[in-house]
């Protein structure tokens, strides 16, 4: 069995060019003694996401950044999986927003897709999950991965401007506000990324 490996506190490469993810990862990492430096800040290219799972793409991005910098790198791959769309957009969540990262368009695409899938009795299946996999990679190819999942319901039209991506159409179970309406500090304690990060923290402290 391969022994688990832990990074030393300090600088940690955040293998993302998404400003929203950089902020969230930076906030979460600060409490663990790490300073996040993004791939975007370092001018690293964005690798093509060719895997067919969240974990595969997270590992691919983390490994690319780790090998480019010679330092451990943390990447996440996350997205919205809609029950009524057979799990779509899933790993294609960012791509549904197009090259301009237009998530208003992407959210409209989700709504339009669900309308097409309306059942005979006129019901729309608005159940969905936000999924996040965090992968920590070293330049030699060693990887540790952690998954977080939040179940919830979709709402239309979008509500709130505090989050990013699909946050304005997702209401987590047990809540009445969308991730776009919930204060960021509170979201950080309950999001799919926070759940994956909690597993990452348990691993660091074990």
C-alpha atoms as a PDB file:
ATOM      1  CA  UNK A   1       0.000   0.000   0.000  1.00  0.00           C
ATOM      2  CA  UNK A   2       1.341   3.419  -1.010  1.00  0.00           C
ATOM      3  CA  UNK A   3       2.046   5.589   2.004  1.00  0.00           C
ATOM      4  CA  UNK A   4       0.132   8.844   2.177  1.00  0.00           C
ATOM      5  CA  UNK A   5       2.206  11.960   1.756  1.00  0.00           C
ATOM      6  CA  UNK A   6       1.614  15.431   3.211  1.00  0.00           C
ATOM      7  CA  UNK A   7       2.792  18.865   2.042  1.00  0.00           C
ATOM      8  CA  UNK A   8       4.690  21.179   4.369  1.00  0.00           C
ATOM      9  CA  UNK A   9       2.793  24.374   5.332  1.00  0.00           C
ATOM     10  CA  UNK A  10       3.700  27.419   3.280  1.00  0.00           C
ATOM     11  CA  UNK A  11       3.193  28.178  -0.393  1.00  0.00           C
ATOM     12  CA  UNK A  12       0.881  25.840  -2.270  1.00  0.00           C
ATOM     13  CA  UNK A  13       0.097  26.118  -5.967  1.00  0.00           C
ATOM     14  CA  UNK A  14      -3.632  26.441  -6.648  1.00  0.00           C
ATOM     15  CA  UNK A  15      -3.939  24.932 -10.110  1.00  0.00           C
ATOM     16  CA  UNK A  16      -6.791  27.093 -11.395  1.00  0.00           C
ATOM     17  CA  UNK A  17      -7.335  30.176 -13.528  1.00  0.00           C
ATOM     18  CA  UNK A  18     -10.864  30.729 -12.168  1.00  0.00           C
ATOM     19  CA  UNK A  19     -10.849  33.844  -9.902  1.00  0.00           C
ATOM     20  CA  UNK A  20     -13.830  32.545  -7.890  1.00  0.00           C
ATOM     21  CA  UNK A  21     -12.106  29.252  -7.153  1.00  0.00           C
ATOM     22  CA  UNK A  22      -8.845  31.036  -6.331  1.00  0.00           C
ATOM     23  CA  UNK A  23     -10.670  33.125  -3.706  1.00  0.00           C
ATOM     24  CA  UNK A  24     -12.438  30.127  -2.167  1.00  0.00           C
ATOM     25  CA  UNK A  25      -9.323  27.938  -2.129  1.00  0.00           C
ATOM     26  CA  UNK A  26      -7.267  30.830  -0.751  1.00  0.00           C
ATOM     27  CA  UNK A  27      -9.733  31.382   2.092  1.00  0.00           C
ATOM     28  CA  UNK A  28      -9.868  27.680   2.920  1.00  0.00           C
ATOM     29  CA  UNK A  29      -6.098  27.152   2.688  1.00  0.00           C
ATOM     30  CA  UNK A  30      -5.270  30.175   4.863  1.00  0.00           C
ATOM     31  CA  UNK A  31      -6.740  28.412   7.876  1.00  0.00           C
ATOM     32  CA  UNK A  32      -4.476  25.430   7.273  1.00  0.00           C
ATOM     33  CA  UNK A  33      -1.247  27.430   7.186  1.00  0.00           C
ATOM     34  CA  UNK A  34      -0.931  27.623   3.412  1.00  0.00           C
ATOM     35  CA  UNK A  35      -0.697  30.573   1.049  1.00  0.00           C
ATOM     36  CA  UNK A  36      -2.377  29.886  -2.270  1.00  0.00           C
ATOM     37  CA  UNK A  37      -0.529  31.012  -5.392  1.00  0.00           C
ATOM     38  CA  UNK A  38      -2.650  30.484  -8.496  1.00  0.00           C
ATOM     39  CA  UNK A  39      -1.598  28.968 -11.786  1.00  0.00           C
ATOM     40  CA  UNK A  40      -2.933  32.119 -13.406  1.00  0.00           C
ATOM     41  CA  UNK A  41      -0.594  34.329 -11.359  1.00  0.00           C
ATOM     42  CA  UNK A  42       2.348  32.149 -12.411  1.00  0.00           C
ATOM     43  CA  UNK A  43       1.368  32.276 -16.077  1.00  0.00           C
ATOM     44  CA  UNK A  44       0.921  28.525 -16.352  1.00  0.00           C
ATOM     45  CA  UNK A  45      -1.105  27.252 -19.314  1.00  0.00           C
ATOM     46  CA  UNK A  46      -4.474  25.630 -18.682  1.00  0.00           C
ATOM     47  CA  UNK A  47      -4.217  21.921 -19.507  1.00  0.00           C
ATOM     48  CA  UNK A  48      -6.930  20.390 -21.652  1.00  0.00           C
ATOM     49  CA  UNK A  49      -9.390  18.505 -19.446  1.00  0.00           C
ATOM     50  CA  UNK A  50      -9.538  15.176 -21.230  1.00  0.00           C
ATOM     51  CA  UNK A  51     -10.651  12.868 -18.391  1.00  0.00           C
ATOM     52  CA  UNK A  52     -14.240  11.625 -18.082  1.00  0.00           C
ATOM     53  CA  UNK A  53     -14.595  12.093 -14.303  1.00  0.00           C
ATOM     54  CA  UNK A  54     -14.201  14.970 -11.854  1.00  0.00           C
ATOM     55  CA  UNK A  55     -11.340  13.109 -10.147  1.00  0.00           C
ATOM     56  CA  UNK A  56      -9.562  12.444 -13.418  1.00  0.00           C
ATOM     57  CA  UNK A  57      -9.659  16.109 -14.413  1.00  0.00           C
ATOM     58  CA  UNK A  58      -8.644  17.336 -10.937  1.00  0.00           C
ATOM     59  CA  UNK A  59      -5.628  15.019 -10.947  1.00  0.00           C
ATOM     60  CA  UNK A  60      -4.709  16.034 -14.491  1.00  0.00           C
ATOM     61  CA  UNK A  61      -4.719  19.756 -13.578  1.00  0.00           C
ATOM     62  CA  UNK A  62      -2.831  19.253 -10.301  1.00  0.00           C
ATOM     63  CA  UNK A  63      -0.146  17.129 -11.951  1.00  0.00           C
ATOM     64  CA  UNK A  64       0.341  19.634 -14.783  1.00  0.00           C
ATOM     65  CA  UNK A  65       0.900  22.499 -12.305  1.00  0.00           C
ATOM     66  CA  UNK A  66       3.124  20.421 -10.009  1.00  0.00           C
ATOM     67  CA  UNK A  67       5.363  19.334 -12.879  1.00  0.00           C
ATOM     68  CA  UNK A  68       5.517  22.864 -14.317  1.00  0.00           C
ATOM     69  CA  UNK A  69       6.566  24.431 -10.991  1.00  0.00           C
ATOM     70  CA  UNK A  70       8.402  21.580  -9.260  1.00  0.00           C
ATOM     71  CA  UNK A  71       6.144  22.132  -6.221  1.00  0.00           C
ATOM     72  CA  UNK A  72       3.043  20.422  -4.802  1.00  0.00           C
ATOM     73  CA  UNK A  73      -0.134  21.716  -6.439  1.00  0.00           C
ATOM     74  CA  UNK A  74      -3.791  21.543  -5.459  1.00  0.00           C
ATOM     75  CA  UNK A  75      -6.510  21.462  -8.100  1.00  0.00           C
ATOM     76  CA  UNK A  76     -10.218  21.019  -7.962  1.00  0.00           C
ATOM     77  CA  UNK A  77     -12.664  19.884 -10.550  1.00  0.00           C
ATOM     78  CA  UNK A  78     -16.228  20.601  -9.725  1.00  0.00           C
ATOM     79  CA  UNK A  79     -19.572  21.028 -11.328  1.00  0.00           C
ATOM     80  CA  UNK A  80     -23.302  20.735 -11.285  1.00  0.00           C
ATOM     81  CA  UNK A  81     -24.918  17.367 -11.933  1.00  0.00           C
ATOM     82  CA  UNK A  82     -28.647  17.583 -12.650  1.00  0.00           C
ATOM     83  CA  UNK A  83     -30.781  14.490 -12.081  1.00  0.00           C
ATOM     84  CA  UNK A  84     -33.236  15.602 -14.766  1.00  0.00           C
ATOM     85  CA  UNK A  85     -30.425  15.898 -17.326  1.00  0.00           C
ATOM     86  CA  UNK A  86     -28.867  12.487 -16.570  1.00  0.00           C
ATOM     87  CA  UNK A  87     -26.010  14.142 -14.646  1.00  0.00           C
ATOM     88  CA  UNK A  88     -25.303  16.940 -17.123  1.00  0.00           C
ATOM     89  CA  UNK A  89     -23.601  19.344 -17.324  1.00  0.00           C
ATOM     90  CA  UNK A  90     -21.294  17.409 -14.940  1.00  0.00           C
ATOM     91  CA  UNK A  91     -17.647  17.550 -16.002  1.00  0.00           C
ATOM     92  CA  UNK A  92     -18.691  19.933 -18.793  1.00  0.00           C
ATOM     93  CA  UNK A  93     -20.090  22.527 -16.351  1.00  0.00           C
ATOM     94  CA  UNK A  94     -17.487  25.180 -17.228  1.00  0.00           C
ATOM     95  CA  UNK A  95     -17.676  24.406 -20.941  1.00  0.00           C
ATOM     96  CA  UNK A  96     -21.439  25.044 -20.972  1.00  0.00           C
ATOM     97  CA  UNK A  97     -20.540  28.662 -20.122  1.00  0.00           C
ATOM     98  CA  UNK A  98     -18.449  28.950 -23.300  1.00  0.00           C
ATOM     99  CA  UNK A  99     -15.091  30.695 -23.788  1.00  0.00           C
ATOM    100  CA  UNK A 100     -16.485  33.913 -22.297  1.00  0.00           C
ATOM    101  CA  UNK A 101     -17.416  32.063 -19.056  1.00  0.00           C
ATOM    102  CA  UNK A 102     -21.009  33.275 -19.439  1.00  0.00           C
ATOM    103  CA  UNK A 103     -22.758  31.396 -16.650  1.00  0.00           C
ATOM    104  CA  UNK A 104     -26.027  33.276 -17.210  1.00  0.00           C
ATOM    105  CA  UNK A 105     -26.101  31.502 -20.566  1.00  0.00           C
ATOM    106  CA  UNK A 106     -25.137  28.206 -18.933  1.00  0.00           C
ATOM    107  CA  UNK A 107     -27.890  28.489 -16.319  1.00  0.00           C
ATOM    108  CA  UNK A 108     -30.397  29.255 -19.075  1.00  0.00           C
ATOM    109  CA  UNK A 109     -29.160  26.150 -20.904  1.00  0.00           C
ATOM    110  CA  UNK A 110     -29.875  24.068 -17.775  1.00  0.00           C
ATOM    111  CA  UNK A 111     -33.377  25.531 -17.477  1.00  0.00           C
ATOM    112  CA  UNK A 112     -34.113  24.987 -21.172  1.00  0.00           C
ATOM    113  CA  UNK A 113     -32.806  21.421 -20.997  1.00  0.00           C
ATOM    114  CA  UNK A 114     -35.005  20.585 -18.018  1.00  0.00           C
ATOM    115  CA  UNK A 115     -38.074  21.951 -19.838  1.00  0.00           C
ATOM    116  CA  UNK A 116     -37.382  19.549 -22.706  1.00  0.00           C
ATOM    117  CA  UNK A 117     -37.191  16.673 -20.204  1.00  0.00           C
ATOM    118  CA  UNK A 118     -40.544  17.506 -18.591  1.00  0.00           C
ATOM    119  CA  UNK A 119     -42.456  14.337 -17.720  1.00  0.00           C
ATOM    120  CA  UNK A 120     -45.913  13.480 -19.087  1.00  0.00           C
ATOM    121  CA  UNK A 121     -47.578  14.914 -15.986  1.00  0.00           C
ATOM    122  CA  UNK A 122     -45.758  18.216 -16.466  1.00  0.00           C
ATOM    123  CA  UNK A 123     -43.227  17.685 -13.675  1.00  0.00           C
ATOM    124  CA  UNK A 124     -39.658  18.913 -13.964  1.00  0.00           C
ATOM    125  CA  UNK A 125     -36.992  17.023 -11.988  1.00  0.00           C
ATOM    126  CA  UNK A 126     -35.084  19.827 -10.281  1.00  0.00           C
ATOM    127  CA  UNK A 127     -32.935  17.634  -8.039  1.00  0.00           C
ATOM    128  CA  UNK A 128     -29.218  18.244  -8.449  1.00  0.00           C
ATOM    129  CA  UNK A 129     -25.814  17.837  -6.840  1.00  0.00           C
ATOM    130  CA  UNK A 130     -22.768  20.019  -6.652  1.00  0.00           C
ATOM    131  CA  UNK A 131     -19.691  17.781  -6.768  1.00  0.00           C
ATOM    132  CA  UNK A 132     -16.093  18.711  -6.048  1.00  0.00           C
ATOM    133  CA  UNK A 133     -12.923  16.632  -6.128  1.00  0.00           C
ATOM    134  CA  UNK A 134      -9.734  18.158  -4.711  1.00  0.00           C
ATOM    135  CA  UNK A 135      -6.485  16.599  -5.869  1.00  0.00           C
ATOM    136  CA  UNK A 136      -3.066  17.315  -4.415  1.00  0.00           C
ATOM    137  CA  UNK A 137      -0.194  16.302  -6.681  1.00  0.00           C
ATOM    138  CA  UNK A 138       3.585  16.217  -6.459  1.00  0.00           C
ATOM    139  CA  UNK A 139       6.015  16.588  -9.394  1.00  0.00           C
ATOM    140  CA  UNK A 140       6.886  12.878  -9.205  1.00  0.00           C
ATOM    141  CA  UNK A 141       3.289  11.899  -9.929  1.00  0.00           C
ATOM    142  CA  UNK A 142       2.032  11.094  -6.408  1.00  0.00           C
ATOM    143  CA  UNK A 143      -1.599  12.235  -5.956  1.00  0.00           C
ATOM    144  CA  UNK A 144      -4.071  12.380  -3.053  1.00  0.00           C
ATOM    145  CA  UNK A 145      -7.757  13.084  -3.866  1.00  0.00           C
ATOM    146  CA  UNK A 146     -10.824  14.050  -1.789  1.00  0.00           C
ATOM    147  CA  UNK A 147     -14.497  14.297  -2.853  1.00  0.00           C
ATOM    148  CA  UNK A 148     -17.346  16.440  -1.517  1.00  0.00           C
ATOM    149  CA  UNK A 149     -20.999  16.271  -2.626  1.00  0.00           C
ATOM    150  CA  UNK A 150     -23.938  18.553  -1.738  1.00  0.00           C
ATOM    151  CA  UNK A 151     -27.481  17.616  -2.750  1.00  0.00           C
ATOM    152  CA  UNK A 152     -30.114  20.230  -3.448  1.00  0.00           C
ATOM    153  CA  UNK A 153     -32.784  21.667  -5.725  1.00  0.00           C
ATOM    154  CA  UNK A 154     -32.583  23.968  -8.724  1.00  0.00           C
ATOM    155  CA  UNK A 155     -34.539  27.238  -8.822  1.00  0.00           C
ATOM    156  CA  UNK A 156     -35.294  29.604 -11.677  1.00  0.00           C
ATOM    157  CA  UNK A 157     -34.758  32.434 -12.330  1.00  0.00           C
ATOM    158  CA  UNK A 158     -31.259  32.692 -10.783  1.00  0.00           C
ATOM    159  CA  UNK A 159     -31.095  34.415  -7.380  1.00  0.00           C
ATOM    160  CA  UNK A 160     -28.196  36.228  -5.700  1.00  0.00           C
ATOM    161  CA  UNK A 161     -24.805  37.541  -6.757  1.00  0.00           C
ATOM    162  CA  UNK A 162     -22.563  36.416  -3.894  1.00  0.00           C
ATOM    163  CA  UNK A 163     -21.305  33.191  -5.470  1.00  0.00           C
ATOM    164  CA  UNK A 164     -20.079  32.262  -8.921  1.00  0.00           C
ATOM    165  CA  UNK A 165     -20.833  29.736 -11.630  1.00  0.00           C
ATOM    166  CA  UNK A 166     -24.152  27.954 -11.095  1.00  0.00           C
ATOM    167  CA  UNK A 167     -24.495  29.123  -7.474  1.00  0.00           C
ATOM    168  CA  UNK A 168     -27.555  31.357  -8.169  1.00  0.00           C
ATOM    169  CA  UNK A 169     -29.756  28.409  -9.232  1.00  0.00           C
ATOM    170  CA  UNK A 170     -28.783  25.889  -6.516  1.00  0.00           C
ATOM    171  CA  UNK A 171     -30.508  25.646  -3.130  1.00  0.00           C
ATOM    172  CA  UNK A 172     -28.751  23.102  -0.864  1.00  0.00           C
ATOM    173  CA  UNK A 173     -30.883  20.651   1.104  1.00  0.00           C
ATOM    174  CA  UNK A 174     -32.230  22.163   4.317  1.00  0.00           C
ATOM    175  CA  UNK A 175     -31.825  25.745   3.073  1.00  0.00           C
ATOM    176  CA  UNK A 176     -34.127  28.281   1.420  1.00  0.00           C
ATOM    177  CA  UNK A 177     -31.443  30.495  -0.123  1.00  0.00           C
ATOM    178  CA  UNK A 178     -29.285  29.729  -3.147  1.00  0.00           C
ATOM    179  CA  UNK A 179     -25.504  29.526  -2.936  1.00  0.00           C
ATOM    180  CA  UNK A 180     -25.648  32.902  -4.703  1.00  0.00           C
ATOM    181  CA  UNK A 181     -27.591  34.402  -1.782  1.00  0.00           C
ATOM    182  CA  UNK A 182     -25.850  32.731   1.181  1.00  0.00           C
ATOM    183  CA  UNK A 183     -23.016  34.759   2.713  1.00  0.00           C
ATOM    184  CA  UNK A 184     -19.629  33.455   1.507  1.00  0.00           C
ATOM    185  CA  UNK A 185     -18.425  32.713   5.054  1.00  0.00           C
ATOM    186  CA  UNK A 186     -21.436  30.459   5.597  1.00  0.00           C
ATOM    187  CA  UNK A 187     -21.161  28.862   2.182  1.00  0.00           C
ATOM    188  CA  UNK A 188     -17.521  28.000   2.928  1.00  0.00           C
ATOM    189  CA  UNK A 189     -18.772  25.816   5.775  1.00  0.00           C
ATOM    190  CA  UNK A 190     -21.292  23.812   3.733  1.00  0.00           C
ATOM    191  CA  UNK A 191     -20.332  23.776   0.050  1.00  0.00           C
ATOM    192  CA  UNK A 192     -19.157  20.775  -1.952  1.00  0.00           C
ATOM    193  CA  UNK A 193     -15.701  22.367  -1.998  1.00  0.00           C
ATOM    194  CA  UNK A 194     -15.828  22.830   1.787  1.00  0.00           C
ATOM    195  CA  UNK A 195     -16.766  19.163   2.283  1.00  0.00           C
ATOM    196  CA  UNK A 196     -13.910  18.004   0.050  1.00  0.00           C
ATOM    197  CA  UNK A 197     -11.618  20.411   1.878  1.00  0.00           C
ATOM    198  CA  UNK A 198     -12.731  19.037   5.268  1.00  0.00           C
ATOM    199  CA  UNK A 199     -11.539  15.604   4.126  1.00  0.00           C
ATOM    200  CA  UNK A 200      -8.286  17.222   2.963  1.00  0.00           C
ATOM    201  CA  UNK A 201      -7.873  18.828   6.404  1.00  0.00           C
ATOM    202  CA  UNK A 202      -8.547  15.512   8.168  1.00  0.00           C
ATOM    203  CA  UNK A 203      -5.814  13.974   6.032  1.00  0.00           C
ATOM    204  CA  UNK A 204      -3.370  16.780   6.882  1.00  0.00           C
ATOM    205  CA  UNK A 205      -4.078  16.391  10.604  1.00  0.00           C
ATOM    206  CA  UNK A 206      -4.183  12.577  10.755  1.00  0.00           C
END
